[in-house]
Amino acid sequence: MSRTDLWTLLTVVGMVFITVLTRAFFFLSNNAWELPAWVAKGLKYAPIAALAAVVVPEIVTSAGQWVSTWKDARLFAAGFAIVWFFWRRGLLGTILAGMAVYLPLHLIWGW
C-alpha cells in the first residue's frame, strides 16, 4: 500500500469517526436536551435565510457576475412570483407562476 493510499484511508476513517460522533452526540446522553430560548427563536428564521442565500444569488448573478441586462428571464419570473405570492399566499402557485413567466421568456425569446 502506497503512502498516498494510507493517507486517503486514514482521512476517510477519520471523517467517518467525526461524522458518527457528531451525529450520535445527542444520543449518548441519558438526559433530555433542551435548546435555549434564543437558539429556538433563531432557528425559526433559518429556512428563509438558507433559501435567500441560495435563491437570491441565482437570480441576480450569471456566471459569477451581476446580471448586466434587463432582458433576463429570471428577473421577470422572480418579480412575478413575488407579486403572486403576496396576492395568493400559496407556495405551489408561486412556483408555477414564476415558471409560467420564465419558460416562455427563456425558451421562446432566448432571454
Protein backbone atom coordinates (compact mmCIF):
# COMPACT_ATOMS: atom_id res chain seq x y z
CA MET A 1 0.00 0.00 0.00
CA SER A 2 1.48 3.34 -1.02
CA ARG A 3 1.80 6.32 1.28
CA THR A 4 -0.96 8.19 -0.58
CA ASP A 5 -3.34 5.27 -0.19
CA LEU A 6 -2.60 5.13 3.54
CA TRP A 7 -3.31 8.85 3.96
CA THR A 8 -6.50 8.54 1.95
CA LEU A 9 -7.64 5.61 4.10
CA LEU A 10 -6.80 7.46 7.34
CA THR A 11 -8.64 10.55 6.11
CA VAL A 12 -11.76 8.57 5.25
CA VAL A 13 -11.70 6.70 8.57
CA GLY A 14 -11.22 9.98 10.44
CA MET A 15 -14.11 11.61 8.58
CA VAL A 16 -16.36 8.63 9.32
CA PHE A 17 -15.44 8.79 13.01
CA ILE A 18 -16.11 12.52 13.26
CA THR A 19 -19.41 12.19 11.36
CA VAL A 20 -20.65 9.34 13.56
CA LEU A 21 -19.55 11.14 16.72
CA THR A 22 -21.23 14.44 15.84
CA ARG A 23 -24.46 12.80 14.68
CA ALA A 24 -24.66 10.42 17.66
CA PHE A 25 -23.64 13.07 20.22
CA PHE A 26 -27.22 13.81 21.25
CA PHE A 27 -27.99 10.11 21.72
CA LEU A 28 -25.03 9.45 24.01
CA SER A 29 -26.58 11.25 26.97
CA ASN A 30 -29.42 9.92 29.11
CA ASN A 31 -30.61 13.45 29.90
CA ALA A 32 -33.06 15.29 27.66
CA TRP A 33 -31.58 18.13 25.63
CA GLU A 34 -33.37 21.44 25.57
CA LEU A 35 -32.34 24.33 23.37
CA PRO A 36 -32.03 27.77 24.91
CA ALA A 37 -34.89 30.11 24.01
CA TRP A 38 -32.66 32.37 21.91
CA VAL A 39 -31.48 29.41 19.80
CA ALA A 40 -35.03 28.17 19.25
CA LYS A 41 -36.10 31.68 18.24
CA GLY A 42 -33.17 31.98 15.84
CA LEU A 43 -33.90 28.61 14.23
CA LYS A 44 -37.31 29.88 13.14
CA TYR A 45 -35.51 32.14 10.66
CA ALA A 46 -33.03 29.54 9.38
CA PRO A 47 -35.15 28.20 6.47
CA ILE A 48 -35.83 31.65 4.99
CA ALA A 49 -32.20 32.65 5.46
CA ALA A 50 -31.00 29.50 3.71
CA LEU A 51 -33.49 29.99 0.90
CA ALA A 52 -32.40 33.59 0.42
CA ALA A 53 -28.74 32.55 0.45
CA VAL A 54 -29.37 30.04 -2.35
CA VAL A 55 -32.07 31.70 -4.49
CA VAL A 56 -31.11 35.39 -4.50
CA PRO A 57 -27.60 34.90 -5.91
CA GLU A 58 -29.05 32.63 -8.60
CA ILE A 59 -31.46 35.38 -9.67
CA VAL A 60 -29.13 38.40 -9.64
CA THR A 61 -25.91 36.82 -10.96
CA SER A 62 -24.93 34.89 -14.04
CA ALA A 63 -21.62 33.00 -14.21
CA GLY A 64 -20.43 34.83 -11.09
CA GLN A 65 -21.15 38.31 -12.48
CA TRP A 66 -24.06 40.65 -11.79
CA VAL A 67 -26.83 40.47 -14.37
CA SER A 68 -25.97 43.26 -16.78
CA THR A 69 -29.15 43.42 -18.85
CA TRP A 70 -32.83 43.79 -18.11
CA LYS A 71 -33.51 41.01 -20.66
CA ASP A 72 -33.06 38.24 -18.12
CA ALA A 73 -35.99 35.86 -17.71
CA ARG A 74 -35.06 35.17 -14.08
CA LEU A 75 -35.66 38.79 -13.06
CA PHE A 76 -39.14 38.91 -14.55
CA ALA A 77 -40.04 35.44 -13.24
CA ALA A 78 -38.88 36.30 -9.73
CA GLY A 79 -40.76 39.60 -9.79
CA PHE A 80 -43.96 37.94 -10.99
CA ALA A 81 -43.59 35.13 -8.44
CA ILE A 82 -43.18 37.65 -5.61
CA VAL A 83 -46.30 39.52 -6.70
CA TRP A 84 -48.21 36.22 -6.97
CA PHE A 85 -47.11 35.14 -3.51
CA PHE A 86 -48.26 38.36 -1.85
CA TRP A 87 -51.55 38.17 -3.77
CA ARG A 88 -52.40 34.48 -3.24
CA ARG A 89 -50.09 33.32 -0.37
CA GLY A 90 -49.54 29.86 -1.86
CA LEU A 91 -46.14 28.29 -2.42
CA LEU A 92 -47.11 25.94 -5.26
CA GLY A 93 -48.88 28.75 -7.11
CA THR A 94 -45.84 30.96 -6.64
CA ILE A 95 -43.57 28.36 -8.22
CA LEU A 96 -45.97 27.74 -11.10
CA ALA A 97 -46.47 31.48 -11.72
CA GLY A 98 -42.73 32.10 -11.79
CA MET A 99 -42.15 29.21 -14.17
CA ALA A 100 -45.05 30.33 -16.38
CA VAL A 101 -43.18 33.60 -16.90
CA TYR A 102 -39.67 32.14 -17.01
CA LEU A 103 -40.18 29.35 -19.55
CA PRO A 104 -41.60 31.41 -22.44
CA LEU A 105 -39.07 34.20 -21.93
CA HIS A 106 -36.16 31.78 -21.75
CA LEU A 107 -37.17 29.13 -24.28
CA ILE A 108 -39.03 31.18 -26.88
CA TRP A 109 -37.34 34.59 -26.74
CA GLY A 110 -33.97 33.35 -25.57
CA TRP A 111 -33.61 35.70 -22.62
